[in-house]
Amino acid sequence: MDKAARNDDRLQEGPVRRSAAYEGAPGDIARARDMARDFLLGLRSEHGLPVSRRAVDVVQLVVSELLTNACKHAPGPTLLELELAGEEVRVTVWDSVPTLPVARDPDPSRVGQHGLEIVIALCQSFASERAAVGKRTTASVGLLDAPRADGGRRGAALTPPARPAFP
């Protein structure tokens, strides 16, 4: 299958989504972040949806973290899909390993391995489940400035916390 067939970066009819397959090549994660940014900017410019700068930044971070983990821990290709789901963007990564990711307890003395903790804290929802081959990991990010008030703990209310003012 040629690269154009594997990387369909055009908005499709019906559900608003983009998807691309990656093989762990140098530059794949940067290309995935660019695709995420372009997808969100397209939601704003082509569909007239409000998309905050925070949403663009968070979706790019989530794409980077989930795809990095898949490339690091799962041999073979990975699939990234971005989909508009109401007032959220659903980021889904499929990979070939059925082992589900587990966030570690916060530890300020630990160097590295905080990515999943960060993703869970920033997203409206997070789930990972086994698929027919491997697993599917999905995180949802609100289009507007509404980070999780509970710091990522499941079952708490999803109201925005006070945010510091930035110049």
C-alpha atoms as a PDB file:
ATOM      1  CA  MET A   1       0.000   0.000   0.000  1.00  0.00           C
ATOM      2  CA  ASP A   2       1.479   3.370  -0.916  1.00  0.00           C
ATOM      3  CA  LYS A   3       1.889   6.265   1.529  1.00  0.00           C
ATOM      4  CA  ALA A   4      -1.067   8.209   0.101  1.00  0.00           C
ATOM      5  CA  ALA A   5      -3.362   5.252   0.703  1.00  0.00           C
ATOM      6  CA  ARG A   6      -2.133   4.829   4.295  1.00  0.00           C
ATOM      7  CA  ASN A   7      -2.273   8.503   5.257  1.00  0.00           C
ATOM      8  CA  ASP A   8      -5.683   9.868   4.390  1.00  0.00           C
ATOM      9  CA  ASP A   9      -5.403  13.354   5.860  1.00  0.00           C
ATOM     10  CA  ARG A  10      -8.548  14.733   4.204  1.00  0.00           C
ATOM     11  CA  LEU A  11     -11.815  15.379   6.009  1.00  0.00           C
ATOM     12  CA  GLN A  12     -14.288  12.735   4.959  1.00  0.00           C
ATOM     13  CA  GLU A  13     -18.022  12.953   4.313  1.00  0.00           C
ATOM     14  CA  GLY A  14     -20.206  11.995   7.268  1.00  0.00           C
ATOM     15  CA  PRO A  15     -18.421  12.040  10.614  1.00  0.00           C
ATOM     16  CA  VAL A  16     -15.697  14.661  10.801  1.00  0.00           C
ATOM     17  CA  ARG A  17     -12.481  12.683  11.215  1.00  0.00           C
ATOM     18  CA  ARG A  18      -8.946  12.181  10.003  1.00  0.00           C
ATOM     19  CA  SER A  19      -6.767   9.136  10.290  1.00  0.00           C
ATOM     20  CA  ALA A  20      -3.246   8.103   9.435  1.00  0.00           C
ATOM     21  CA  ALA A  21      -1.094   5.000   9.818  1.00  0.00           C
ATOM     22  CA  TYR A  22       2.446   5.265  11.158  1.00  0.00           C
ATOM     23  CA  GLU A  23       5.288   2.775  11.236  1.00  0.00           C
ATOM     24  CA  GLY A  24       7.611   4.386  13.767  1.00  0.00           C
ATOM     25  CA  ALA A  25       9.686   6.193  11.151  1.00  0.00           C
ATOM     26  CA  PRO A  26      11.647   9.302  12.118  1.00  0.00           C
ATOM     27  CA  GLY A  27       9.329  12.285  11.981  1.00  0.00           C
ATOM     28  CA  ASP A  28       6.079  10.305  12.391  1.00  0.00           C
ATOM     29  CA  ILE A  29       5.205  11.864  15.733  1.00  0.00           C
ATOM     30  CA  ALA A  30       5.868  15.396  14.459  1.00  0.00           C
ATOM     31  CA  ARG A  31       3.713  14.659  11.396  1.00  0.00           C
ATOM     32  CA  ALA A  32       0.946  13.353  13.669  1.00  0.00           C
ATOM     33  CA  ARG A  33       1.068  16.526  15.790  1.00  0.00           C
ATOM     34  CA  ASP A  34       0.863  18.614  12.609  1.00  0.00           C
ATOM     35  CA  MET A  35      -2.112  16.572  11.430  1.00  0.00           C
ATOM     36  CA  ALA A  36      -3.836  17.153  14.790  1.00  0.00           C
ATOM     37  CA  ARG A  37      -3.234  20.913  14.611  1.00  0.00           C
ATOM     38  CA  ASP A  38      -4.503  21.076  11.018  1.00  0.00           C
ATOM     39  CA  PHE A  39      -7.578  19.014  11.938  1.00  0.00           C
ATOM     40  CA  LEU A  40      -8.493  21.375  14.779  1.00  0.00           C
ATOM     41  CA  LEU A  41      -7.836  24.510  12.740  1.00  0.00           C
ATOM     42  CA  GLY A  42     -10.048  22.985  10.034  1.00  0.00           C
ATOM     43  CA  LEU A  43     -12.839  22.510  12.575  1.00  0.00           C
ATOM     44  CA  ARG A  44     -12.604  26.234  13.227  1.00  0.00           C
ATOM     45  CA  SER A  45     -12.167  27.517   9.654  1.00  0.00           C
ATOM     46  CA  GLU A  46     -14.180  24.980   7.629  1.00  0.00           C
ATOM     47  CA  HIS A  47     -16.903  24.061  10.115  1.00  0.00           C
ATOM     48  CA  GLY A  48     -17.169  27.292  12.143  1.00  0.00           C
ATOM     49  CA  LEU A  49     -16.640  25.526  15.463  1.00  0.00           C
ATOM     50  CA  PRO A  50     -15.076  27.294  18.422  1.00  0.00           C
ATOM     51  CA  VAL A  51     -11.683  25.707  19.146  1.00  0.00           C
ATOM     52  CA  SER A  52      -9.555  27.152  21.936  1.00  0.00           C
ATOM     53  CA  ARG A  53      -5.798  27.466  21.789  1.00  0.00           C
ATOM     54  CA  ARG A  54      -5.684  25.177  24.837  1.00  0.00           C
ATOM     55  CA  ALA A  55      -7.563  22.486  22.902  1.00  0.00           C
ATOM     56  CA  VAL A  56      -5.051  22.672  20.035  1.00  0.00           C
ATOM     57  CA  ASP A  57      -2.120  22.423  22.451  1.00  0.00           C
ATOM     58  CA  VAL A  58      -3.655  19.603  24.510  1.00  0.00           C
ATOM     59  CA  VAL A  59      -4.669  17.528  21.471  1.00  0.00           C
ATOM     60  CA  GLN A  60      -1.154  17.850  20.054  1.00  0.00           C
ATOM     61  CA  LEU A  61       0.324  16.754  23.394  1.00  0.00           C
ATOM     62  CA  VAL A  62      -2.094  13.815  23.672  1.00  0.00           C
ATOM     63  CA  VAL A  63      -1.328  12.699  20.110  1.00  0.00           C
ATOM     64  CA  SER A  64       2.386  12.933  20.837  1.00  0.00           C
ATOM     65  CA  GLU A  65       2.169  10.959  24.096  1.00  0.00           C
ATOM     66  CA  LEU A  66      -0.159   8.205  22.861  1.00  0.00           C
ATOM     67  CA  LEU A  67       1.679   7.713  19.584  1.00  0.00           C
ATOM     68  CA  THR A  68       5.091   7.781  21.302  1.00  0.00           C
ATOM     69  CA  ASN A  69       3.936   5.070  23.724  1.00  0.00           C
ATOM     70  CA  ALA A  70       2.574   2.953  20.874  1.00  0.00           C
ATOM     71  CA  CYS A  71       5.764   3.301  18.822  1.00  0.00           C
ATOM     72  CA  LYS A  72       7.928   2.579  21.867  1.00  0.00           C
ATOM     73  CA  HIS A  73       6.044  -0.456  23.214  1.00  0.00           C
ATOM     74  CA  ALA A  74       4.285  -2.042  20.211  1.00  0.00           C
ATOM     75  CA  PRO A  75       6.036  -3.433  17.148  1.00  0.00           C
ATOM     76  CA  GLY A  76       4.490  -2.750  13.789  1.00  0.00           C
ATOM     77  CA  PRO A  77       2.186  -0.072  12.499  1.00  0.00           C
ATOM     78  CA  THR A  78      -0.021   2.170  14.598  1.00  0.00           C
ATOM     79  CA  LEU A  79      -3.173   3.947  13.542  1.00  0.00           C
ATOM     80  CA  LEU A  80      -4.164   7.411  14.724  1.00  0.00           C
ATOM     81  CA  GLU A  81      -7.706   8.705  14.341  1.00  0.00           C
ATOM     82  CA  LEU A  82      -9.022  12.156  15.242  1.00  0.00           C
ATOM     83  CA  GLU A  83     -12.801  12.513  15.348  1.00  0.00           C
ATOM     84  CA  LEU A  84     -15.189  15.279  16.275  1.00  0.00           C
ATOM     85  CA  ALA A  85     -17.547  13.944  18.954  1.00  0.00           C
ATOM     86  CA  GLY A  86     -19.986  16.651  19.997  1.00  0.00           C
ATOM     87  CA  GLU A  87     -17.955  19.393  21.678  1.00  0.00           C
ATOM     88  CA  GLU A  88     -14.868  17.200  22.011  1.00  0.00           C
ATOM     89  CA  VAL A  89     -12.176  15.743  19.819  1.00  0.00           C
ATOM     90  CA  ARG A  90     -11.641  12.032  20.303  1.00  0.00           C
ATOM     91  CA  VAL A  91      -7.996  10.950  19.838  1.00  0.00           C
ATOM     92  CA  THR A  92      -7.676   7.207  19.259  1.00  0.00           C
ATOM     93  CA  VAL A  93      -4.499   5.193  18.753  1.00  0.00           C
ATOM     94  CA  TRP A  94      -4.533   1.518  17.786  1.00  0.00           C
ATOM     95  CA  ASP A  95      -1.422  -0.626  18.183  1.00  0.00           C
ATOM     96  CA  SER A  96      -0.478  -4.303  18.035  1.00  0.00           C
ATOM     97  CA  VAL A  97       0.124  -5.082  21.732  1.00  0.00           C
ATOM     98  CA  PRO A  98      -2.876  -6.082  23.892  1.00  0.00           C
ATOM     99  CA  THR A  99      -1.249  -4.991  27.183  1.00  0.00           C
ATOM    100  CA  LEU A 100      -3.207  -2.032  28.532  1.00  0.00           C
ATOM    101  CA  PRO A 101      -1.313   1.048  29.729  1.00  0.00           C
ATOM    102  CA  VAL A 102      -1.395   1.792  33.439  1.00  0.00           C
ATOM    103  CA  ALA A 103      -0.714   5.230  34.876  1.00  0.00           C
ATOM    104  CA  ARG A 104       1.780   5.146  37.687  1.00  0.00           C
ATOM    105  CA  ASP A 105       1.158   6.892  40.979  1.00  0.00           C
ATOM    106  CA  PRO A 106       2.473  10.453  40.950  1.00  0.00           C
ATOM    107  CA  ASP A 107       6.091  10.584  42.102  1.00  0.00           C
ATOM    108  CA  PRO A 108       7.904  13.916  41.809  1.00  0.00           C
ATOM    109  CA  SER A 109      11.262  12.152  42.258  1.00  0.00           C
ATOM    110  CA  ARG A 110      10.698   9.856  39.251  1.00  0.00           C
ATOM    111  CA  VAL A 111      12.422  11.033  36.093  1.00  0.00           C
ATOM    112  CA  GLY A 112      10.266  10.418  33.041  1.00  0.00           C
ATOM    113  CA  GLN A 113       7.279   8.109  32.562  1.00  0.00           C
ATOM    114  CA  HIS A 114       4.729  10.795  33.470  1.00  0.00           C
ATOM    115  CA  GLY A 115       3.098  11.021  30.028  1.00  0.00           C
ATOM    116  CA  LEU A 116       0.039   8.902  30.764  1.00  0.00           C
ATOM    117  CA  GLU A 117      -0.553  10.750  34.056  1.00  0.00           C
ATOM    118  CA  ILE A 118      -0.482  14.046  32.153  1.00  0.00           C
ATOM    119  CA  VAL A 119      -2.837  12.789  29.437  1.00  0.00           C
ATOM    120  CA  ILE A 120      -5.376  11.550  31.991  1.00  0.00           C
ATOM    121  CA  ALA A 121      -5.210  14.831  33.938  1.00  0.00           C
ATOM    122  CA  LEU A 122      -5.720  17.008  30.844  1.00  0.00           C
ATOM    123  CA  CYS A 123      -8.445  15.065  29.057  1.00  0.00           C
ATOM    124  CA  GLN A 124     -12.204  14.940  29.550  1.00  0.00           C
ATOM    125  CA  SER A 125     -12.013  11.146  29.367  1.00  0.00           C
ATOM    126  CA  PHE A 126      -9.475   8.374  28.840  1.00  0.00           C
ATOM    127  CA  ALA A 127      -9.931   4.677  28.103  1.00  0.00           C
ATOM    128  CA  SER A 128      -7.891   1.790  26.804  1.00  0.00           C
ATOM    129  CA  GLU A 129      -9.301  -1.562  25.772  1.00  0.00           C
ATOM    130  CA  ARG A 130      -8.162  -4.689  24.043  1.00  0.00           C
ATOM    131  CA  ALA A 131      -9.111  -4.930  20.381  1.00  0.00           C
ATOM    132  CA  ALA A 132      -9.218  -7.882  17.973  1.00  0.00           C
ATOM    133  CA  VAL A 133      -5.521  -7.289  17.380  1.00  0.00           C
ATOM    134  CA  GLY A 134      -3.728  -5.263  20.046  1.00  0.00           C
ATOM    135  CA  LYS A 135      -5.478  -2.411  21.804  1.00  0.00           C
ATOM    136  CA  ARG A 136      -7.300   0.844  21.265  1.00  0.00           C
ATOM    137  CA  THR A 137      -6.484   3.839  23.484  1.00  0.00           C
ATOM    138  CA  THR A 138      -8.820   6.836  23.374  1.00  0.00           C
ATOM    139  CA  ALA A 139      -8.682  10.249  25.011  1.00  0.00           C
ATOM    140  CA  SER A 140     -11.224  13.049  24.575  1.00  0.00           C
ATOM    141  CA  VAL A 141     -10.367  16.739  24.702  1.00  0.00           C
ATOM    142  CA  GLY A 142     -12.945  19.532  24.909  1.00  0.00           C
ATOM    143  CA  LEU A 143     -12.875  22.117  22.124  1.00  0.00           C
ATOM    144  CA  LEU A 144     -13.188  24.925  24.655  1.00  0.00           C
ATOM    145  CA  ASP A 145     -11.172  25.726  27.783  1.00  0.00           C
ATOM    146  CA  ALA A 146     -12.558  23.111  30.136  1.00  0.00           C
ATOM    147  CA  PRO A 147      -9.779  21.051  31.726  1.00  0.00           C
ATOM    148  CA  ARG A 148     -10.765  18.370  34.226  1.00  0.00           C
ATOM    149  CA  ALA A 149     -11.283  19.867  37.667  1.00  0.00           C
ATOM    150  CA  ASP A 150     -10.486  16.553  39.342  1.00  0.00           C
ATOM    151  CA  GLY A 151      -6.895  16.354  38.068  1.00  0.00           C
ATOM    152  CA  GLY A 152      -7.743  13.192  36.145  1.00  0.00           C
ATOM    153  CA  ARG A 153      -9.490  11.192  38.845  1.00  0.00           C
ATOM    154  CA  ARG A 154     -12.369   9.220  37.428  1.00  0.00           C
ATOM    155  CA  GLY A 155     -15.909   9.918  38.570  1.00  0.00           C
ATOM    156  CA  ALA A 156     -15.420  13.533  39.643  1.00  0.00           C
ATOM    157  CA  ALA A 157     -17.299  16.493  38.194  1.00  0.00           C
ATOM    158  CA  LEU A 158     -15.943  17.956  34.976  1.00  0.00           C
ATOM    159  CA  THR A 159     -15.925  21.660  35.818  1.00  0.00           C
ATOM    160  CA  PRO A 160     -13.117  24.027  34.928  1.00  0.00           C
ATOM    161  CA  PRO A 161     -10.769  24.995  37.769  1.00  0.00           C
ATOM    162  CA  ALA A 162      -9.532  28.531  38.273  1.00  0.00           C
ATOM    163  CA  ARG A 163      -6.729  29.174  35.817  1.00  0.00           C
ATOM    164  CA  PRO A 164      -3.816  31.530  36.380  1.00  0.00           C
ATOM    165  CA  ALA A 165      -3.718  34.595  34.140  1.00  0.00           C
ATOM    166  CA  PHE A 166      -1.008  34.553  31.496  1.00  0.00           C
ATOM    167  CA  PRO A 167       0.300  37.687  29.802  1.00  0.00           C
END
